[in-house]
Amino acid sequence: MVTPISGGTAFDFGAAAQATAAQPQTTPAPAAHTKIPTRIEPAADTVKLSPSAQVRLLKTQGETIPQIAINTALSAEAVDGYLGITQALPATVAAGNK
């Protein structure tokens, strides 16, 4: 025969031990029409260098004047001008020094 105990709570009677374990929350599956990105692509930033800056950059990277002229579609004289290179004038021989 079982005699009820008065004044107790459900916890006192072992109800807590019988409670089911907490279930982890699950995220509902997205609707079929919802597209989830697999990878986020950053926006591409671009920089356009001026011809002068491009020539100087290529020179610091070790390219020669002819290579720079070809890569930038500039004349060798223009590349020289951007780099501050001046061509020496050819020496003229005086007419009296023969």
C-alpha atoms as a PDB file:
ATOM      1  CA  MET A   1       0.000   0.000   0.000  1.00  0.00           C
ATOM      2  CA  VAL A   2       1.274   3.464  -0.985  1.00  0.00           C
ATOM      3  CA  THR A   3       0.758   6.409   1.273  1.00  0.00           C
ATOM      4  CA  PRO A   4       0.945   9.816  -0.413  1.00  0.00           C
ATOM      5  CA  ILE A   5       3.277  12.319   1.207  1.00  0.00           C
ATOM      6  CA  SER A   6       1.735  15.725   1.615  1.00  0.00           C
ATOM      7  CA  GLY A   7       3.575  19.022   1.269  1.00  0.00           C
ATOM      8  CA  GLY A   8       6.088  17.835  -1.329  1.00  0.00           C
ATOM      9  CA  THR A   9       6.789  19.201  -4.802  1.00  0.00           C
ATOM     10  CA  ALA A  10       7.172  17.339  -8.052  1.00  0.00           C
ATOM     11  CA  PHE A  11      10.944  17.709  -7.714  1.00  0.00           C
ATOM     12  CA  ASP A  12      10.870  16.075  -4.320  1.00  0.00           C
ATOM     13  CA  PHE A  13       9.187  13.025  -5.833  1.00  0.00           C
ATOM     14  CA  GLY A  14      11.764  12.440  -8.566  1.00  0.00           C
ATOM     15  CA  ALA A  15       9.842  14.084 -11.405  1.00  0.00           C
ATOM     16  CA  ALA A  16      12.991  15.928 -12.469  1.00  0.00           C
ATOM     17  CA  ALA A  17      14.837  12.683 -13.022  1.00  0.00           C
ATOM     18  CA  GLN A  18      12.033  11.437 -15.239  1.00  0.00           C
ATOM     19  CA  ALA A  19      11.837  14.586 -17.376  1.00  0.00           C
ATOM     20  CA  THR A  20      12.985  14.103 -20.923  1.00  0.00           C
ATOM     21  CA  ALA A  21      16.360  15.529 -21.898  1.00  0.00           C
ATOM     22  CA  ALA A  22      16.289  18.937 -23.545  1.00  0.00           C
ATOM     23  CA  GLN A  23      16.128  18.568 -27.307  1.00  0.00           C
ATOM     24  CA  PRO A  24      18.513  20.733 -29.350  1.00  0.00           C
ATOM     25  CA  GLN A  25      16.806  23.377 -31.406  1.00  0.00           C
ATOM     26  CA  THR A  26      16.859  22.694 -35.086  1.00  0.00           C
ATOM     27  CA  THR A  27      16.787  25.328 -37.753  1.00  0.00           C
ATOM     28  CA  PRO A  28      13.952  24.780 -40.170  1.00  0.00           C
ATOM     29  CA  ALA A  29      15.076  23.799 -43.632  1.00  0.00           C
ATOM     30  CA  PRO A  30      14.948  26.683 -46.127  1.00  0.00           C
ATOM     31  CA  ALA A  31      12.171  26.714 -48.631  1.00  0.00           C
ATOM     32  CA  ALA A  32      12.965  25.178 -52.006  1.00  0.00           C
ATOM     33  CA  HIS A  33      12.933  28.596 -53.676  1.00  0.00           C
ATOM     34  CA  THR A  34      15.457  30.088 -51.238  1.00  0.00           C
ATOM     35  CA  LYS A  35      19.029  29.957 -52.515  1.00  0.00           C
ATOM     36  CA  ILE A  36      21.711  29.802 -49.855  1.00  0.00           C
ATOM     37  CA  PRO A  37      25.072  31.137 -51.050  1.00  0.00           C
ATOM     38  CA  THR A  38      27.815  28.572 -50.687  1.00  0.00           C
ATOM     39  CA  ARG A  39      30.565  31.174 -50.748  1.00  0.00           C
ATOM     40  CA  ILE A  40      30.476  34.933 -50.526  1.00  0.00           C
ATOM     41  CA  GLU A  41      32.521  36.590 -53.239  1.00  0.00           C
ATOM     42  CA  PRO A  42      33.976  39.986 -52.328  1.00  0.00           C
ATOM     43  CA  ALA A  43      33.377  42.809 -54.744  1.00  0.00           C
ATOM     44  CA  ALA A  44      36.382  43.247 -56.989  1.00  0.00           C
ATOM     45  CA  ASP A  45      38.177  46.542 -56.560  1.00  0.00           C
ATOM     46  CA  THR A  46      40.093  47.853 -59.521  1.00  0.00           C
ATOM     47  CA  VAL A  47      42.661  50.592 -59.831  1.00  0.00           C
ATOM     48  CA  LYS A  48      43.598  52.220 -63.112  1.00  0.00           C
ATOM     49  CA  LEU A  49      47.095  53.620 -63.096  1.00  0.00           C
ATOM     50  CA  SER A  50      48.083  56.618 -65.145  1.00  0.00           C
ATOM     51  CA  PRO A  51      50.633  55.885 -67.880  1.00  0.00           C
ATOM     52  CA  SER A  52      53.319  57.602 -65.812  1.00  0.00           C
ATOM     53  CA  ALA A  53      52.554  55.539 -62.705  1.00  0.00           C
ATOM     54  CA  GLN A  54      52.382  52.352 -64.755  1.00  0.00           C
ATOM     55  CA  VAL A  55      55.775  53.042 -66.349  1.00  0.00           C
ATOM     56  CA  ARG A  56      57.369  53.752 -62.966  1.00  0.00           C
ATOM     57  CA  LEU A  57      55.822  50.612 -61.460  1.00  0.00           C
ATOM     58  CA  LEU A  58      57.109  48.408 -64.269  1.00  0.00           C
ATOM     59  CA  LYS A  59      60.563  49.967 -63.956  1.00  0.00           C
ATOM     60  CA  THR A  60      60.676  49.245 -60.208  1.00  0.00           C
ATOM     61  CA  GLN A  61      59.686  45.658 -61.025  1.00  0.00           C
ATOM     62  CA  GLY A  62      62.833  45.360 -63.118  1.00  0.00           C
ATOM     63  CA  GLU A  63      61.499  45.655 -66.654  1.00  0.00           C
ATOM     64  CA  THR A  64      63.657  47.268 -69.327  1.00  0.00           C
ATOM     65  CA  ILE A  65      62.658  50.335 -71.342  1.00  0.00           C
ATOM     66  CA  PRO A  66      61.813  48.273 -74.455  1.00  0.00           C
ATOM     67  CA  GLN A  67      59.713  45.838 -72.375  1.00  0.00           C
ATOM     68  CA  ILE A  68      57.851  48.709 -70.749  1.00  0.00           C
ATOM     69  CA  ALA A  69      57.240  50.318 -74.152  1.00  0.00           C
ATOM     70  CA  ILE A  70      55.750  47.072 -75.485  1.00  0.00           C
ATOM     71  CA  ASN A  71      53.646  46.340 -72.377  1.00  0.00           C
ATOM     72  CA  THR A  72      52.201  49.839 -72.189  1.00  0.00           C
ATOM     73  CA  ALA A  73      51.919  50.481 -75.952  1.00  0.00           C
ATOM     74  CA  LEU A  74      54.016  53.630 -75.516  1.00  0.00           C
ATOM     75  CA  SER A  75      57.022  54.732 -77.495  1.00  0.00           C
ATOM     76  CA  ALA A  76      60.456  54.301 -75.959  1.00  0.00           C
ATOM     77  CA  GLU A  77      60.774  58.094 -75.967  1.00  0.00           C
ATOM     78  CA  ALA A  78      57.544  58.443 -73.974  1.00  0.00           C
ATOM     79  CA  VAL A  79      58.766  55.843 -71.459  1.00  0.00           C
ATOM     80  CA  ASP A  80      62.062  57.706 -71.152  1.00  0.00           C
ATOM     81  CA  GLY A  81      60.141  60.937 -70.605  1.00  0.00           C
ATOM     82  CA  TYR A  82      58.027  59.415 -67.812  1.00  0.00           C
ATOM     83  CA  LEU A  83      61.199  58.142 -66.160  1.00  0.00           C
ATOM     84  CA  GLY A  84      63.005  61.462 -66.553  1.00  0.00           C
ATOM     85  CA  ILE A  85      65.627  59.998 -68.868  1.00  0.00           C
ATOM     86  CA  THR A  86      66.965  62.465 -71.410  1.00  0.00           C
ATOM     87  CA  GLN A  87      69.000  61.476 -74.438  1.00  0.00           C
ATOM     88  CA  ALA A  88      72.347  63.184 -74.779  1.00  0.00           C
ATOM     89  CA  LEU A  89      72.731  65.079 -78.002  1.00  0.00           C
ATOM     90  CA  PRO A  90      75.403  63.671 -80.287  1.00  0.00           C
ATOM     91  CA  ALA A  91      78.665  65.550 -80.099  1.00  0.00           C
ATOM     92  CA  THR A  92      79.409  67.634 -83.153  1.00  0.00           C
ATOM     93  CA  VAL A  93      82.903  67.865 -84.498  1.00  0.00           C
ATOM     94  CA  ALA A  94      84.098  71.388 -85.093  1.00  0.00           C
ATOM     95  CA  ALA A  95      84.829  72.096 -88.769  1.00  0.00           C
ATOM     96  CA  GLY A  96      88.324  73.392 -88.008  1.00  0.00           C
ATOM     97  CA  ASN A  97      89.525  70.302 -86.119  1.00  0.00           C
ATOM     98  CA  LYS A  98      90.545  67.976 -88.935  1.00  0.00           C
END
